[in-house]
Amino acid sequence: MNIILREMTVEDISQVVIIDHASFPLPWPESSYRFEVIDNMASHCWVAVLDDKIVGMLVLWLIVDEAHIATIAAHPQYRRMGIGRQLLAGALSAAKEAGATEAVLEVREANESAQALYRSFGFTITGLRENYYHDNGDDALLMSASL
């Protein structure tokens, strides 16, 4: 499988939104992705492409020396194929090259598969954000890793 990682473009947003809506109960609106790609200077947006189809996406905010993973997902039809792993590895590597020394993220407390992925990259639980998710009041685990 030949996955290509590249920066997200405005033309990619419609496919990214489809992945987001299929992946999360609280998806970002299209306007948020437009803002991230066009206007947010701290934002680094990536897509994973397979056979000219976007199969995964990631948004990272680089703030001084901290890389914050804002969102990451693989299209449901392409899960368990290592796409999320490749996106995360590429984004963290690029963030480290840009001067990041730490990475942080929030993950649903019940999302054990995502937590396992993050742990494999050295992320550990550093806190809890109670009632973080507005759809059902789920708590979020705050995870961080040294880069």
N, C-alpha and C. Protein backbone atom coordinates (compact mmCIF):
# COMPACT_ATOMS: atom_id res chain seq x y z
N MET A 1 0.85 -1.18 0.00
CA MET A 1 0.00 0.00 0.00
C MET A 1 0.90 1.24 0.00
N ASN A 2 0.69 2.09 -0.97
CA ASN A 2 1.54 3.26 -1.14
C ASN A 2 0.79 4.52 -0.72
N ILE A 3 0.87 4.84 0.57
CA ILE A 3 0.24 6.04 1.12
C ILE A 3 1.17 7.23 0.92
N ILE A 4 0.62 8.31 0.43
CA ILE A 4 1.38 9.55 0.28
C ILE A 4 0.85 10.54 1.31
N LEU A 5 1.76 11.12 2.10
CA LEU A 5 1.41 12.17 3.05
C LEU A 5 1.79 13.50 2.42
N ARG A 6 0.86 14.45 2.48
CA ARG A 6 1.15 15.79 1.95
C ARG A 6 0.32 16.82 2.70
N GLU A 7 0.67 18.08 2.48
CA GLU A 7 -0.09 19.15 3.10
C GLU A 7 -1.50 19.20 2.52
N MET A 8 -2.46 19.51 3.39
CA MET A 8 -3.85 19.66 2.96
C MET A 8 -3.99 20.96 2.16
N THR A 9 -4.80 20.90 1.12
CA THR A 9 -5.12 22.09 0.33
C THR A 9 -6.61 22.40 0.45
N VAL A 10 -7.00 23.56 0.00
CA VAL A 10 -8.41 23.94 0.01
C VAL A 10 -9.23 22.94 -0.81
N GLU A 11 -8.65 22.44 -1.89
CA GLU A 11 -9.35 21.49 -2.74
C GLU A 11 -9.62 20.16 -2.03
N ASP A 12 -8.87 19.86 -0.99
CA ASP A 12 -9.03 18.61 -0.24
C ASP A 12 -10.16 18.66 0.79
N ILE A 13 -10.61 19.84 1.13
CA ILE A 13 -11.48 20.01 2.29
C ILE A 13 -12.78 19.22 2.18
N SER A 14 -13.39 19.15 1.03
CA SER A 14 -14.65 18.41 0.93
C SER A 14 -14.46 16.94 1.29
N GLN A 15 -13.35 16.33 0.87
CA GLN A 15 -13.08 14.94 1.23
C GLN A 15 -12.72 14.80 2.72
N VAL A 16 -12.01 15.78 3.24
CA VAL A 16 -11.64 15.77 4.65
C VAL A 16 -12.89 15.86 5.53
N VAL A 17 -13.84 16.69 5.14
CA VAL A 17 -15.08 16.84 5.90
C VAL A 17 -15.85 15.52 5.92
N ILE A 18 -15.83 14.79 4.83
CA ILE A 18 -16.51 13.49 4.79
C ILE A 18 -15.88 12.54 5.81
N ILE A 19 -14.56 12.52 5.87
CA ILE A 19 -13.86 11.67 6.85
C ILE A 19 -14.21 12.11 8.27
N ASP A 20 -14.20 13.41 8.50
CA ASP A 20 -14.50 13.95 9.83
C ASP A 20 -15.91 13.56 10.27
N HIS A 21 -16.89 13.73 9.39
CA HIS A 21 -18.28 13.40 9.72
C HIS A 21 -18.47 11.91 9.95
N ALA A 22 -17.70 11.09 9.25
CA ALA A 22 -17.80 9.64 9.43
C ALA A 22 -17.07 9.15 10.68
N SER A 23 -16.24 10.02 11.25
CA SER A 23 -15.37 9.61 12.35
C SER A 23 -15.77 10.13 13.72
N PHE A 24 -16.42 11.27 13.78
CA PHE A 24 -16.64 11.92 15.07
C PHE A 24 -18.09 12.36 15.24
N PRO A 25 -18.61 12.25 16.47
CA PRO A 25 -19.96 12.75 16.73
C PRO A 25 -20.03 14.28 16.74
N LEU A 26 -18.90 14.94 16.89
CA LEU A 26 -18.84 16.40 16.85
C LEU A 26 -17.86 16.85 15.77
N PRO A 27 -18.21 16.65 14.50
CA PRO A 27 -17.27 16.99 13.42
C PRO A 27 -17.09 18.50 13.29
N TRP A 28 -15.94 18.87 12.77
CA TRP A 28 -15.68 20.28 12.48
C TRP A 28 -16.47 20.69 11.25
N PRO A 29 -16.94 21.93 11.22
CA PRO A 29 -17.60 22.41 9.99
C PRO A 29 -16.54 22.68 8.92
N GLU A 30 -16.98 22.70 7.68
CA GLU A 30 -16.07 22.98 6.57
C GLU A 30 -15.32 24.29 6.78
N SER A 31 -16.00 25.29 7.33
CA SER A 31 -15.37 26.59 7.55
C SER A 31 -14.17 26.51 8.49
N SER A 32 -14.19 25.59 9.42
CA SER A 32 -13.05 25.42 10.32
C SER A 32 -11.83 24.90 9.56
N TYR A 33 -12.04 23.95 8.68
CA TYR A 33 -10.92 23.45 7.88
C TYR A 33 -10.39 24.54 6.95
N ARG A 34 -11.29 25.33 6.38
CA ARG A 34 -10.85 26.44 5.53
C ARG A 34 -9.98 27.41 6.33
N PHE A 35 -10.41 27.73 7.55
CA PHE A 35 -9.63 28.61 8.40
C PHE A 35 -8.25 28.01 8.68
N GLU A 36 -8.22 26.72 9.01
CA GLU A 36 -6.94 26.06 9.33
C GLU A 36 -5.99 26.09 8.13
N VAL A 37 -6.50 25.81 6.94
CA VAL A 37 -5.66 25.74 5.75
C VAL A 37 -5.23 27.13 5.28
N ILE A 38 -6.14 28.11 5.34
CA ILE A 38 -5.88 29.41 4.74
C ILE A 38 -5.33 30.43 5.73
N ASP A 39 -5.92 30.51 6.92
CA ASP A 39 -5.65 31.65 7.79
C ASP A 39 -4.85 31.37 9.07
N ASN A 40 -4.90 30.17 9.59
CA ASN A 40 -4.25 29.91 10.87
C ASN A 40 -2.77 29.62 10.65
N MET A 41 -1.94 30.58 10.99
CA MET A 41 -0.50 30.44 10.75
C MET A 41 0.13 29.38 11.65
N ALA A 42 -0.52 29.01 12.73
CA ALA A 42 0.00 27.97 13.63
C ALA A 42 -0.40 26.57 13.17
N SER A 43 -1.28 26.49 12.19
CA SER A 43 -1.85 25.21 11.78
C SER A 43 -1.01 24.54 10.70
N HIS A 44 -0.84 23.23 10.88
CA HIS A 44 -0.18 22.39 9.89
C HIS A 44 -1.14 21.24 9.60
N CYS A 45 -1.67 21.22 8.40
CA CYS A 45 -2.73 20.27 8.04
C CYS A 45 -2.17 19.27 7.03
N TRP A 46 -2.46 18.00 7.30
CA TRP A 46 -1.93 16.92 6.48
C TRP A 46 -3.07 16.03 5.98
N VAL A 47 -2.84 15.41 4.83
CA VAL A 47 -3.74 14.37 4.36
C VAL A 47 -2.91 13.16 3.96
N ALA A 48 -3.56 12.00 4.04
CA ALA A 48 -2.99 10.75 3.55
C ALA A 48 -3.76 10.39 2.29
N VAL A 49 -3.04 10.12 1.22
CA VAL A 49 -3.65 9.86 -0.08
C VAL A 49 -3.28 8.45 -0.54
N LEU A 50 -4.28 7.73 -0.99
CA LEU A 50 -4.09 6.40 -1.56
C LEU A 50 -4.87 6.34 -2.88
N ASP A 51 -4.18 6.08 -3.96
CA ASP A 51 -4.82 5.99 -5.28
C ASP A 51 -5.67 7.22 -5.57
N ASP A 52 -5.11 8.38 -5.34
CA ASP A 52 -5.75 9.68 -5.61
C ASP A 52 -6.98 9.95 -4.74
N LYS A 53 -7.16 9.18 -3.67
CA LYS A 53 -8.28 9.41 -2.76
C LYS A 53 -7.72 9.76 -1.38
N ILE A 54 -8.30 10.77 -0.76
CA ILE A 54 -7.89 11.13 0.58
C ILE A 54 -8.50 10.12 1.55
N VAL A 55 -7.64 9.45 2.30
CA VAL A 55 -8.08 8.38 3.20
C VAL A 55 -7.80 8.70 4.67
N GLY A 56 -7.17 9.83 4.92
CA GLY A 56 -6.90 10.23 6.29
C GLY A 56 -6.52 11.69 6.36
N MET A 57 -6.64 12.24 7.56
CA MET A 57 -6.31 13.65 7.74
C MET A 57 -5.84 13.90 9.16
N LEU A 58 -5.08 14.98 9.33
CA LEU A 58 -4.57 15.39 10.64
C LEU A 58 -4.39 16.89 10.63
N VAL A 59 -4.76 17.53 11.75
CA VAL A 59 -4.49 18.95 11.94
C VAL A 59 -3.66 19.08 13.21
N LEU A 60 -2.53 19.77 13.09
CA LEU A 60 -1.62 20.01 14.20
C LEU A 60 -1.41 21.50 14.33
N TRP A 61 -1.45 21.99 15.56
CA TRP A 61 -1.12 23.39 15.83
C TRP A 61 0.26 23.44 16.45
N LEU A 62 1.15 24.22 15.86
CA LEU A 62 2.49 24.40 16.39
C LEU A 62 2.54 25.76 17.08
N ILE A 63 2.61 25.71 18.40
CA ILE A 63 2.60 26.93 19.20
C ILE A 63 3.89 26.95 20.01
N VAL A 64 4.78 27.83 19.59
CA VAL A 64 6.13 27.96 20.15
C VAL A 64 6.83 26.59 20.02
N ASP A 65 6.98 25.88 21.13
CA ASP A 65 7.67 24.58 21.07
C ASP A 65 6.74 23.41 21.35
N GLU A 66 5.42 23.64 21.24
CA GLU A 66 4.43 22.60 21.52
C GLU A 66 3.63 22.27 20.27
N ALA A 67 3.54 20.98 19.98
CA ALA A 67 2.71 20.49 18.88
C ALA A 67 1.42 19.95 19.48
N HIS A 68 0.31 20.55 19.11
CA HIS A 68 -0.99 20.12 19.63
C HIS A 68 -1.73 19.41 18.49
N ILE A 69 -1.98 18.12 18.68
CA ILE A 69 -2.76 17.37 17.69
C ILE A 69 -4.22 17.75 17.90
N ALA A 70 -4.78 18.51 16.95
CA ALA A 70 -6.15 19.00 17.08
C ALA A 70 -7.16 17.96 16.63
N THR A 71 -6.85 17.24 15.56
CA THR A 71 -7.72 16.17 15.08
C THR A 71 -6.93 15.24 14.18
N ILE A 72 -7.33 13.99 14.19
CA ILE A 72 -6.72 12.98 13.34
C ILE A 72 -7.77 11.90 13.10
N ALA A 73 -7.86 11.44 11.85
CA ALA A 73 -8.82 10.37 11.53
C ALA A 73 -8.45 9.72 10.21
N ALA A 74 -8.82 8.47 10.10
CA ALA A 74 -8.75 7.73 8.84
C ALA A 74 -10.17 7.44 8.39
N HIS A 75 -10.37 7.42 7.10
CA HIS A 75 -11.69 7.06 6.57
C HIS A 75 -12.07 5.68 7.09
N PRO A 76 -13.33 5.49 7.50
CA PRO A 76 -13.74 4.19 8.07
C PRO A 76 -13.40 2.98 7.20
N GLN A 77 -13.45 3.12 5.89
CA GLN A 77 -13.14 2.00 5.00
C GLN A 77 -11.65 1.66 4.98
N TYR A 78 -10.81 2.55 5.54
CA TYR A 78 -9.37 2.37 5.48
C TYR A 78 -8.72 2.29 6.87
N ARG A 79 -9.52 2.00 7.86
CA ARG A 79 -8.98 1.89 9.21
C ARG A 79 -8.24 0.58 9.39
N ARG A 80 -7.40 0.56 10.40
CA ARG A 80 -6.58 -0.63 10.74
C ARG A 80 -5.59 -0.97 9.61
N MET A 81 -5.20 0.06 8.86
CA MET A 81 -4.22 -0.13 7.79
C MET A 81 -2.95 0.68 8.04
N GLY A 82 -2.86 1.31 9.21
CA GLY A 82 -1.67 2.08 9.55
C GLY A 82 -1.67 3.52 9.07
N ILE A 83 -2.79 3.99 8.57
CA ILE A 83 -2.86 5.35 8.04
C ILE A 83 -2.70 6.38 9.16
N GLY A 84 -3.42 6.19 10.26
CA GLY A 84 -3.29 7.09 11.39
C GLY A 84 -1.87 7.11 11.92
N ARG A 85 -1.26 5.95 12.00
CA ARG A 85 0.13 5.83 12.46
C ARG A 85 1.07 6.63 11.56
N GLN A 86 0.89 6.49 10.24
CA GLN A 86 1.75 7.23 9.30
C GLN A 86 1.52 8.73 9.39
N LEU A 87 0.26 9.14 9.51
CA LEU A 87 -0.03 10.57 9.66
C LEU A 87 0.61 11.13 10.92
N LEU A 88 0.43 10.42 12.03
CA LEU A 88 0.97 10.90 13.30
C LEU A 88 2.49 10.94 13.26
N ALA A 89 3.12 9.91 12.72
CA ALA A 89 4.58 9.89 12.63
C ALA A 89 5.10 11.04 11.77
N GLY A 90 4.47 11.26 10.63
CA GLY A 90 4.90 12.34 9.75
C GLY A 90 4.73 13.71 10.38
N ALA A 91 3.58 13.92 11.00
CA ALA A 91 3.30 15.22 11.61
C ALA A 91 4.23 15.49 12.79
N LEU A 92 4.45 14.49 13.63
CA LEU A 92 5.33 14.68 14.79
C LEU A 92 6.77 14.91 14.35
N SER A 93 7.20 14.22 13.31
CA SER A 93 8.55 14.42 12.78
C SER A 93 8.71 15.84 12.25
N ALA A 94 7.74 16.30 11.48
CA ALA A 94 7.79 17.66 10.94
C ALA A 94 7.75 18.69 12.07
N ALA A 95 6.94 18.44 13.10
CA ALA A 95 6.85 19.37 14.23
C ALA A 95 8.19 19.44 14.97
N LYS A 96 8.81 18.29 15.14
CA LYS A 96 10.12 18.27 15.80
C LYS A 96 11.14 19.05 14.99
N GLU A 97 11.15 18.86 13.68
CA GLU A 97 12.06 19.61 12.82
C GLU A 97 11.81 21.11 12.89
N ALA A 98 10.56 21.48 13.15
CA ALA A 98 10.19 22.90 13.25
C ALA A 98 10.45 23.47 14.64
N GLY A 99 10.95 22.65 15.57
CA GLY A 99 11.32 23.15 16.89
C GLY A 99 10.45 22.70 18.04
N ALA A 100 9.45 21.87 17.78
CA ALA A 100 8.61 21.40 18.87
C ALA A 100 9.40 20.44 19.76
N THR A 101 9.20 20.56 21.05
CA THR A 101 9.87 19.66 22.00
C THR A 101 8.87 18.77 22.73
N GLU A 102 7.58 19.10 22.60
CA GLU A 102 6.53 18.33 23.26
C GLU A 102 5.31 18.28 22.35
N ALA A 103 4.57 17.19 22.44
CA ALA A 103 3.30 17.05 21.73
C ALA A 103 2.20 16.78 22.74
N VAL A 104 1.03 17.35 22.52
CA VAL A 104 -0.11 17.16 23.41
C VAL A 104 -1.36 16.89 22.58
N LEU A 105 -2.33 16.27 23.21
CA LEU A 105 -3.61 16.02 22.56
C LEU A 105 -4.65 15.66 23.62
N GLU A 106 -5.91 15.73 23.22
CA GLU A 106 -7.02 15.23 24.03
C GLU A 106 -7.63 14.05 23.30
N VAL A 107 -8.05 13.05 24.07
CA VAL A 107 -8.69 11.87 23.49
C VAL A 107 -9.81 11.43 24.42
N ARG A 108 -10.90 10.98 23.82
CA ARG A 108 -12.00 10.47 24.65
C ARG A 108 -11.50 9.37 25.56
N GLU A 109 -11.93 9.42 26.80
CA GLU A 109 -11.52 8.43 27.78
C GLU A 109 -11.88 7.01 27.33
N ALA A 110 -12.97 6.87 26.59
CA ALA A 110 -13.43 5.55 26.15
C ALA A 110 -12.74 5.07 24.86
N ASN A 111 -11.98 5.92 24.20
CA ASN A 111 -11.37 5.57 22.92
C ASN A 111 -10.04 4.86 23.14
N GLU A 112 -10.14 3.60 23.49
CA GLU A 112 -8.95 2.83 23.86
C GLU A 112 -8.03 2.56 22.67
N SER A 113 -8.58 2.41 21.46
CA SER A 113 -7.72 2.15 20.31
C SER A 113 -6.86 3.37 19.99
N ALA A 114 -7.44 4.56 20.08
CA ALA A 114 -6.65 5.77 19.85
C ALA A 114 -5.59 5.92 20.93
N GLN A 115 -5.97 5.65 22.17
CA GLN A 115 -5.00 5.75 23.26
C GLN A 115 -3.83 4.79 23.04
N ALA A 116 -4.11 3.60 22.55
CA ALA A 116 -3.04 2.63 22.28
C ALA A 116 -2.09 3.16 21.20
N LEU A 117 -2.65 3.78 20.16
CA LEU A 117 -1.81 4.38 19.13
C LEU A 117 -0.91 5.44 19.74
N TYR A 118 -1.50 6.33 20.53
CA TYR A 118 -0.71 7.42 21.11
C TYR A 118 0.35 6.89 22.07
N ARG A 119 0.01 5.89 22.86
CA ARG A 119 1.01 5.30 23.77
C ARG A 119 2.19 4.72 22.98
N SER A 120 1.92 4.16 21.81
CA SER A 120 3.00 3.60 21.01
C SER A 120 3.98 4.67 20.52
N PHE A 121 3.58 5.92 20.57
CA PHE A 121 4.45 7.04 20.22
C PHE A 121 5.04 7.71 21.46
N GLY A 122 4.82 7.11 22.62
CA GLY A 122 5.40 7.65 23.85
C GLY A 122 4.51 8.61 24.61
N PHE A 123 3.25 8.76 24.17
CA PHE A 123 2.33 9.63 24.90
C PHE A 123 1.93 8.96 26.21
N THR A 124 1.82 9.76 27.24
CA THR A 124 1.33 9.29 28.53
C THR A 124 0.20 10.22 28.98
N ILE A 125 -0.65 9.70 29.84
CA ILE A 125 -1.76 10.49 30.36
C ILE A 125 -1.21 11.48 31.39
N THR A 126 -1.52 12.75 31.17
CA THR A 126 -1.02 13.80 32.06
C THR A 126 -2.14 14.58 32.74
N GLY A 127 -3.38 14.30 32.37
CA GLY A 127 -4.48 15.02 32.99
C GLY A 127 -5.82 14.55 32.48
N LEU A 128 -6.85 15.13 33.03
CA LEU A 128 -8.23 14.80 32.68
C LEU A 128 -8.99 16.10 32.49
N ARG A 129 -9.73 16.19 31.39
CA ARG A 129 -10.61 17.34 31.15
C ARG A 129 -12.03 16.80 31.28
N GLU A 130 -12.65 17.11 32.41
CA GLU A 130 -14.00 16.60 32.68
C GLU A 130 -15.02 17.26 31.78
N ASN A 131 -16.00 16.46 31.35
CA ASN A 131 -17.10 16.94 30.50
C ASN A 131 -16.61 17.69 29.26
N TYR A 132 -15.52 17.25 28.69
CA TYR A 132 -14.87 17.94 27.57
C TYR A 132 -15.70 17.89 26.30
N TYR A 133 -16.34 16.75 26.05
CA TYR A 133 -17.08 16.58 24.80
C TYR A 133 -18.54 16.96 25.00
N HIS A 134 -18.99 17.91 24.18
CA HIS A 134 -20.32 18.50 24.35
C HIS A 134 -21.46 17.59 23.92
N ASP A 135 -21.19 16.58 23.10
CA ASP A 135 -22.27 15.74 22.62
C ASP A 135 -22.84 14.85 23.72
N ASN A 136 -21.98 14.37 24.63
CA ASN A 136 -22.47 13.48 25.67
C ASN A 136 -21.79 13.68 27.03
N GLY A 137 -20.96 14.69 27.12
CA GLY A 137 -20.30 14.98 28.40
C GLY A 137 -19.14 14.07 28.72
N ASP A 138 -18.67 13.29 27.75
CA ASP A 138 -17.51 12.43 27.99
C ASP A 138 -16.32 13.25 28.46
N ASP A 139 -15.51 12.62 29.28
CA ASP A 139 -14.26 13.22 29.71
C ASP A 139 -13.21 12.98 28.63
N ALA A 140 -12.21 13.86 28.60
CA ALA A 140 -11.08 13.69 27.72
C ALA A 140 -9.84 13.47 28.56
N LEU A 141 -9.02 12.55 28.11
CA LEU A 141 -7.70 12.38 28.72
C LEU A 141 -6.75 13.32 28.00
N LEU A 142 -5.95 14.04 28.76
CA LEU A 142 -4.90 14.87 28.19
C LEU A 142 -3.66 13.99 28.15
N MET A 143 -3.07 13.87 26.97
CA MET A 143 -1.87 13.05 26.81
C MET A 143 -0.76 13.91 26.25
N SER A 144 0.47 13.61 26.66
CA SER A 144 1.60 14.35 26.12
C SER A 144 2.78 13.42 25.92
N ALA A 145 3.68 13.87 25.06
CA ALA A 145 4.90 13.11 24.78
C ALA A 145 6.03 14.08 24.51
N SER A 146 7.20 13.71 24.95
CA SER A 146 8.40 14.48 24.64
C SER A 146 8.84 14.12 23.22
N LEU A 147 9.24 15.14 22.47
CA LEU A 147 9.73 14.89 21.12
C LEU A 147 11.25 14.92 21.10
